[in-house]
């Protein structure tokens, strides 16, 4: 059975691949370049919140800033999807596996309400 998330990711992967092919950009989409581009986009998102005194709440509630945030998150997502496609990584499976791994590292009875890293307990 195909679920909604798989269809969504496949649609985005196809759109990104078509976009790159139309511009002859696939030659630039190697793991190094894509991971570097992803890092830059994350830094641009961080920059929006860098000096926030509200933990980001003021920024997200400002309509113009919110649009910037949405664009940066979309860039991050698109580069991540493109990178996972190039590396032939099932993003849904990898994500669900990581959530399970984190659940084992951070059991509720020990971690609830605490931000202490598992290796520091």
N, C-alpha and C. Protein backbone atom coordinates (compact mmCIF):
# COMPACT_ATOMS: atom_id res chain seq x y z
N UNK A 1 0.85 -1.18 0.00
CA UNK A 1 0.00 0.00 0.00
C UNK A 1 0.89 1.23 0.00
N UNK A 2 0.57 2.16 -0.87
CA UNK A 2 1.33 3.40 -0.97
C UNK A 2 0.66 4.44 -0.08
N UNK A 3 1.45 5.07 0.78
CA UNK A 3 0.87 6.07 1.66
C UNK A 3 1.08 7.48 1.11
N UNK A 4 0.40 8.41 1.72
CA UNK A 4 0.43 9.80 1.28
C UNK A 4 1.85 10.37 1.29
N UNK A 5 2.62 10.11 2.33
CA UNK A 5 3.97 10.65 2.43
C UNK A 5 4.85 10.17 1.28
N UNK A 6 4.74 8.90 0.94
CA UNK A 6 5.55 8.37 -0.17
C UNK A 6 5.18 9.06 -1.48
N UNK A 7 3.89 9.27 -1.71
CA UNK A 7 3.44 9.95 -2.93
C UNK A 7 3.94 11.39 -2.95
N UNK A 8 3.85 12.04 -1.81
CA UNK A 8 4.30 13.43 -1.68
C UNK A 8 5.79 13.54 -1.98
N UNK A 9 6.60 12.71 -1.35
CA UNK A 9 8.04 12.74 -1.56
C UNK A 9 8.41 12.40 -3.01
N UNK A 10 7.73 11.45 -3.59
CA UNK A 10 8.00 11.08 -4.98
C UNK A 10 7.67 12.25 -5.92
N UNK A 11 6.58 12.93 -5.63
CA UNK A 11 6.20 14.10 -6.45
C UNK A 11 7.25 15.20 -6.35
N UNK A 12 7.71 15.48 -5.14
CA UNK A 12 8.73 16.51 -4.94
C UNK A 12 10.04 16.09 -5.60
N UNK A 13 10.46 14.84 -5.43
CA UNK A 13 11.69 14.34 -6.06
C UNK A 13 11.63 14.51 -7.57
N UNK A 14 10.50 14.14 -8.16
CA UNK A 14 10.33 14.25 -9.61
C UNK A 14 10.42 15.71 -10.06
N UNK A 15 9.74 16.61 -9.35
CA UNK A 15 9.77 18.03 -9.70
C UNK A 15 11.19 18.59 -9.61
N UNK A 16 11.91 18.23 -8.56
CA UNK A 16 13.28 18.71 -8.39
C UNK A 16 14.21 18.15 -9.47
N UNK A 17 14.01 16.88 -9.80
CA UNK A 17 14.83 16.26 -10.85
C UNK A 17 14.55 16.93 -12.19
N UNK A 18 13.29 17.15 -12.51
CA UNK A 18 12.93 17.83 -13.76
C UNK A 18 13.52 19.23 -13.80
N UNK A 19 13.43 19.95 -12.70
CA UNK A 19 13.97 21.31 -12.60
C UNK A 19 15.47 21.31 -12.92
N UNK A 20 16.19 20.38 -12.31
CA UNK A 20 17.64 20.29 -12.53
C UNK A 20 17.96 19.87 -13.96
N UNK A 21 17.23 18.89 -14.48
CA UNK A 21 17.48 18.41 -15.84
C UNK A 21 17.25 19.51 -16.87
N UNK A 22 16.16 20.28 -16.72
CA UNK A 22 15.84 21.34 -17.67
C UNK A 22 16.95 22.40 -17.75
N UNK A 23 17.66 22.57 -16.67
CA UNK A 23 18.71 23.59 -16.60
C UNK A 23 20.11 23.01 -16.76
N UNK A 24 20.18 21.70 -16.97
CA UNK A 24 21.45 20.99 -17.06
C UNK A 24 22.27 21.20 -15.78
N UNK A 25 21.58 21.12 -14.66
CA UNK A 25 22.23 21.32 -13.35
C UNK A 25 22.56 20.00 -12.66
N UNK A 26 22.14 18.89 -13.21
CA UNK A 26 22.44 17.62 -12.55
C UNK A 26 23.94 17.42 -12.40
N UNK A 27 24.71 17.99 -13.30
CA UNK A 27 26.18 17.89 -13.22
C UNK A 27 26.72 18.53 -11.94
N UNK A 28 25.96 19.43 -11.34
CA UNK A 28 26.39 20.11 -10.11
C UNK A 28 25.80 19.46 -8.86
N UNK A 29 24.87 18.54 -9.03
CA UNK A 29 24.15 17.97 -7.90
C UNK A 29 24.81 16.68 -7.40
N UNK A 30 26.03 16.83 -6.93
CA UNK A 30 26.69 15.70 -6.29
C UNK A 30 26.51 15.84 -4.77
N UNK A 31 26.80 14.79 -4.02
CA UNK A 31 26.58 14.86 -2.57
C UNK A 31 27.30 16.02 -1.88
N UNK A 32 28.52 16.31 -2.29
CA UNK A 32 29.26 17.42 -1.67
C UNK A 32 28.54 18.73 -1.90
N UNK A 33 28.21 19.04 -3.14
CA UNK A 33 27.58 20.32 -3.45
C UNK A 33 26.20 20.45 -2.81
N UNK A 34 25.44 19.38 -2.85
CA UNK A 34 24.10 19.44 -2.26
C UNK A 34 24.16 19.59 -0.74
N UNK A 35 25.08 18.88 -0.11
CA UNK A 35 25.18 19.02 1.36
C UNK A 35 25.69 20.40 1.74
N UNK A 36 26.57 20.97 0.94
CA UNK A 36 27.04 22.33 1.21
C UNK A 36 25.90 23.34 1.01
N UNK A 37 25.13 23.17 -0.05
CA UNK A 37 23.99 24.06 -0.29
C UNK A 37 22.97 23.94 0.84
N UNK A 38 22.74 22.72 1.30
CA UNK A 38 21.84 22.50 2.42
C UNK A 38 22.32 23.23 3.66
N UNK A 39 23.60 23.16 3.93
CA UNK A 39 24.19 23.84 5.08
C UNK A 39 24.01 25.36 4.99
N UNK A 40 24.19 25.89 3.80
CA UNK A 40 24.02 27.34 3.59
C UNK A 40 22.57 27.74 3.87
N UNK A 41 21.63 26.96 3.38
CA UNK A 41 20.22 27.29 3.60
C UNK A 41 19.85 27.21 5.08
N UNK A 42 20.39 26.23 5.79
CA UNK A 42 20.15 26.15 7.24
C UNK A 42 20.72 27.38 7.92
N UNK A 43 21.90 27.81 7.51
CA UNK A 43 22.51 29.01 8.08
C UNK A 43 21.64 30.24 7.82
N UNK A 44 21.03 30.32 6.64
CA UNK A 44 20.15 31.45 6.34
C UNK A 44 18.92 31.45 7.24
N UNK A 45 18.40 30.26 7.55
CA UNK A 45 17.28 30.17 8.49
C UNK A 45 17.72 30.59 9.89
N UNK A 46 18.87 30.10 10.31
CA UNK A 46 19.41 30.44 11.63
C UNK A 46 19.59 31.95 11.75
N UNK A 47 20.06 32.57 10.67
CA UNK A 47 20.31 34.01 10.68
C UNK A 47 19.04 34.80 11.00
N UNK A 48 17.90 34.34 10.53
CA UNK A 48 16.64 35.02 10.81
C UNK A 48 16.37 35.09 12.31
N UNK A 49 16.71 34.03 13.01
CA UNK A 49 16.43 33.93 14.45
C UNK A 49 17.62 34.31 15.32
N UNK A 50 18.75 34.61 14.73
CA UNK A 50 20.01 34.74 15.45
C UNK A 50 19.92 35.64 16.69
N UNK A 51 19.36 36.80 16.60
CA UNK A 51 19.34 37.73 17.73
C UNK A 51 17.95 37.87 18.33
N UNK A 52 17.10 36.90 18.10
CA UNK A 52 15.74 36.96 18.61
C UNK A 52 15.72 36.97 20.13
N UNK A 53 14.91 37.85 20.68
CA UNK A 53 14.74 37.91 22.13
C UNK A 53 13.50 37.14 22.56
N UNK A 54 12.75 36.64 21.57
CA UNK A 54 11.49 35.96 21.87
C UNK A 54 11.56 34.46 21.57
N UNK A 55 12.76 33.96 21.31
CA UNK A 55 12.89 32.56 20.93
C UNK A 55 12.34 32.28 19.55
N UNK A 56 12.13 33.32 18.76
CA UNK A 56 11.63 33.18 17.40
C UNK A 56 10.15 33.48 17.24
N UNK A 57 9.45 33.69 18.35
CA UNK A 57 8.01 33.94 18.25
C UNK A 57 7.69 35.25 17.56
N UNK A 58 8.45 36.30 17.86
CA UNK A 58 8.20 37.58 17.18
C UNK A 58 8.42 37.44 15.68
N UNK A 59 9.46 36.74 15.30
CA UNK A 59 9.79 36.58 13.89
C UNK A 59 8.70 35.81 13.14
N UNK A 60 8.24 34.73 13.72
CA UNK A 60 7.24 33.91 13.04
C UNK A 60 5.89 34.61 12.98
N UNK A 61 5.64 35.53 13.89
CA UNK A 61 4.38 36.27 13.89
C UNK A 61 4.40 37.50 13.00
N UNK A 62 5.57 37.87 12.49
CA UNK A 62 5.68 38.98 11.55
C UNK A 62 5.44 38.40 10.15
N UNK A 63 4.41 38.86 9.42
CA UNK A 63 4.08 38.25 8.12
C UNK A 63 5.23 38.26 7.11
N UNK A 64 6.00 39.34 7.04
CA UNK A 64 7.11 39.39 6.08
C UNK A 64 8.22 38.42 6.47
N UNK A 65 8.53 38.40 7.75
CA UNK A 65 9.58 37.49 8.22
C UNK A 65 9.12 36.04 8.10
N UNK A 66 7.86 35.81 8.36
CA UNK A 66 7.33 34.45 8.22
C UNK A 66 7.52 33.94 6.79
N UNK A 67 7.30 34.80 5.79
CA UNK A 67 7.50 34.41 4.39
C UNK A 67 8.96 34.03 4.15
N UNK A 68 9.89 34.80 4.73
CA UNK A 68 11.32 34.46 4.61
C UNK A 68 11.59 33.09 5.22
N UNK A 69 11.02 32.86 6.40
CA UNK A 69 11.20 31.58 7.11
C UNK A 69 10.67 30.43 6.25
N UNK A 70 9.48 30.63 5.69
CA UNK A 70 8.89 29.59 4.84
C UNK A 70 9.78 29.29 3.64
N UNK A 71 10.33 30.32 3.02
CA UNK A 71 11.21 30.12 1.85
C UNK A 71 12.47 29.36 2.24
N UNK A 72 13.06 29.72 3.38
CA UNK A 72 14.27 29.02 3.81
C UNK A 72 13.98 27.57 4.17
N UNK A 73 12.86 27.32 4.83
CA UNK A 73 12.49 25.94 5.16
C UNK A 73 12.25 25.15 3.88
N UNK A 74 11.62 25.76 2.90
CA UNK A 74 11.40 25.08 1.61
C UNK A 74 12.74 24.76 0.93
N UNK A 75 13.68 25.72 0.96
CA UNK A 75 15.01 25.46 0.39
C UNK A 75 15.68 24.29 1.10
N UNK A 76 15.61 24.29 2.42
CA UNK A 76 16.22 23.21 3.21
C UNK A 76 15.59 21.87 2.84
N UNK A 77 14.28 21.84 2.81
CA UNK A 77 13.55 20.61 2.49
C UNK A 77 13.91 20.13 1.08
N UNK A 78 13.90 21.05 0.12
CA UNK A 78 14.18 20.66 -1.26
C UNK A 78 15.59 20.12 -1.44
N UNK A 79 16.57 20.78 -0.81
CA UNK A 79 17.93 20.25 -0.90
C UNK A 79 18.05 18.89 -0.21
N UNK A 80 17.37 18.71 0.90
CA UNK A 80 17.41 17.43 1.60
C UNK A 80 16.77 16.32 0.75
N UNK A 81 15.64 16.63 0.14
CA UNK A 81 14.99 15.64 -0.72
C UNK A 81 15.87 15.32 -1.92
N UNK A 82 16.46 16.34 -2.52
CA UNK A 82 17.33 16.13 -3.69
C UNK A 82 18.55 15.28 -3.31
N UNK A 83 19.17 15.61 -2.17
CA UNK A 83 20.33 14.85 -1.70
C UNK A 83 19.95 13.40 -1.43
N UNK A 84 18.84 13.18 -0.76
CA UNK A 84 18.44 11.80 -0.47
C UNK A 84 18.14 11.03 -1.77
N UNK A 85 17.60 11.73 -2.77
CA UNK A 85 17.34 11.09 -4.06
C UNK A 85 18.65 10.71 -4.74
N UNK A 86 19.60 11.64 -4.78
CA UNK A 86 20.91 11.37 -5.39
C UNK A 86 21.60 10.19 -4.70
N UNK A 87 21.47 10.11 -3.39
CA UNK A 87 22.12 9.04 -2.62
C UNK A 87 21.27 7.77 -2.53
N UNK A 88 20.09 7.81 -3.15
CA UNK A 88 19.17 6.68 -3.13
C UNK A 88 18.83 6.25 -1.70
N UNK A 89 18.51 7.24 -0.89
CA UNK A 89 18.11 7.00 0.49
C UNK A 89 16.60 7.18 0.60
N UNK A 90 15.94 6.20 1.18
CA UNK A 90 14.51 6.29 1.43
C UNK A 90 14.33 7.20 2.63
N UNK A 91 13.95 8.44 2.37
CA UNK A 91 13.88 9.46 3.41
C UNK A 91 12.85 9.12 4.49
N UNK A 92 11.72 8.58 4.07
CA UNK A 92 10.70 8.18 5.04
C UNK A 92 11.23 7.08 5.96
N UNK A 93 11.81 6.06 5.39
CA UNK A 93 12.35 4.93 6.17
C UNK A 93 13.46 5.41 7.10
N UNK A 94 14.38 6.22 6.57
CA UNK A 94 15.50 6.72 7.39
C UNK A 94 14.97 7.56 8.55
N UNK A 95 13.98 8.39 8.28
CA UNK A 95 13.41 9.23 9.33
C UNK A 95 12.72 8.40 10.41
N UNK A 96 11.91 7.45 9.99
CA UNK A 96 11.22 6.59 10.97
C UNK A 96 12.21 5.76 11.78
N UNK A 97 13.26 5.27 11.14
CA UNK A 97 14.30 4.52 11.87
C UNK A 97 14.97 5.41 12.90
N UNK A 98 15.26 6.66 12.54
CA UNK A 98 15.92 7.58 13.47
C UNK A 98 15.00 7.93 14.64
N UNK A 99 13.72 8.09 14.38
CA UNK A 99 12.77 8.35 15.48
C UNK A 99 12.78 7.17 16.45
N UNK A 100 12.80 5.95 15.93
CA UNK A 100 12.84 4.77 16.79
C UNK A 100 14.15 4.71 17.58
N UNK A 101 15.26 5.01 16.91
CA UNK A 101 16.57 5.03 17.58
C UNK A 101 16.57 6.06 18.71
N UNK A 102 16.02 7.24 18.44
CA UNK A 102 15.96 8.27 19.48
C UNK A 102 15.04 7.88 20.63
N UNK A 103 13.97 7.16 20.33
CA UNK A 103 13.07 6.69 21.38
C UNK A 103 13.79 5.73 22.33
N UNK A 104 14.70 4.95 21.77
CA UNK A 104 15.49 4.04 22.59
C UNK A 104 16.55 4.78 23.41
N UNK A 105 17.14 5.82 22.82
CA UNK A 105 18.14 6.62 23.54
C UNK A 105 17.52 7.47 24.63
N UNK A 106 16.30 7.92 24.38
CA UNK A 106 15.62 8.85 25.28
C UNK A 106 14.28 8.29 25.72
N UNK A 107 14.29 7.25 26.57
CA UNK A 107 13.01 6.70 27.03
C UNK A 107 12.24 7.76 27.83
N UNK A 108 10.94 7.73 27.70
CA UNK A 108 10.08 8.74 28.32
C UNK A 108 10.33 8.83 29.82
N UNK A 109 10.45 7.70 30.49
CA UNK A 109 10.59 7.73 31.95
C UNK A 109 11.87 8.42 32.42
N UNK A 110 12.86 8.53 31.56
CA UNK A 110 14.12 9.19 31.93
C UNK A 110 14.21 10.59 31.32
N UNK A 111 13.64 10.76 30.15
CA UNK A 111 13.88 11.98 29.39
C UNK A 111 12.78 13.01 29.46
N UNK A 112 11.62 12.65 29.94
CA UNK A 112 10.49 13.58 29.94
C UNK A 112 10.84 14.86 30.70
N UNK A 113 10.71 15.99 30.01
CA UNK A 113 10.97 17.29 30.62
C UNK A 113 12.44 17.65 30.77
N UNK A 114 13.33 16.83 30.23
CA UNK A 114 14.77 17.06 30.36
C UNK A 114 15.42 17.18 28.98
N UNK A 115 16.34 18.10 28.85
CA UNK A 115 17.06 18.25 27.58
C UNK A 115 18.47 17.68 27.66
N UNK A 116 18.76 16.92 28.69
CA UNK A 116 20.09 16.34 28.87
C UNK A 116 20.34 15.26 27.81
N UNK A 117 21.48 15.36 27.15
CA UNK A 117 21.83 14.38 26.12
C UNK A 117 21.99 13.00 26.75
N UNK A 118 21.60 11.96 26.00
CA UNK A 118 21.64 10.60 26.53
C UNK A 118 23.01 10.21 27.04
N UNK A 119 24.08 10.70 26.43
CA UNK A 119 25.43 10.33 26.83
C UNK A 119 25.89 11.08 28.09
N UNK A 120 25.10 12.03 28.53
CA UNK A 120 25.45 12.82 29.73
C UNK A 120 24.64 12.43 30.95
N UNK A 121 23.81 11.40 30.82
CA UNK A 121 22.98 10.98 31.96
C UNK A 121 23.78 10.17 32.93
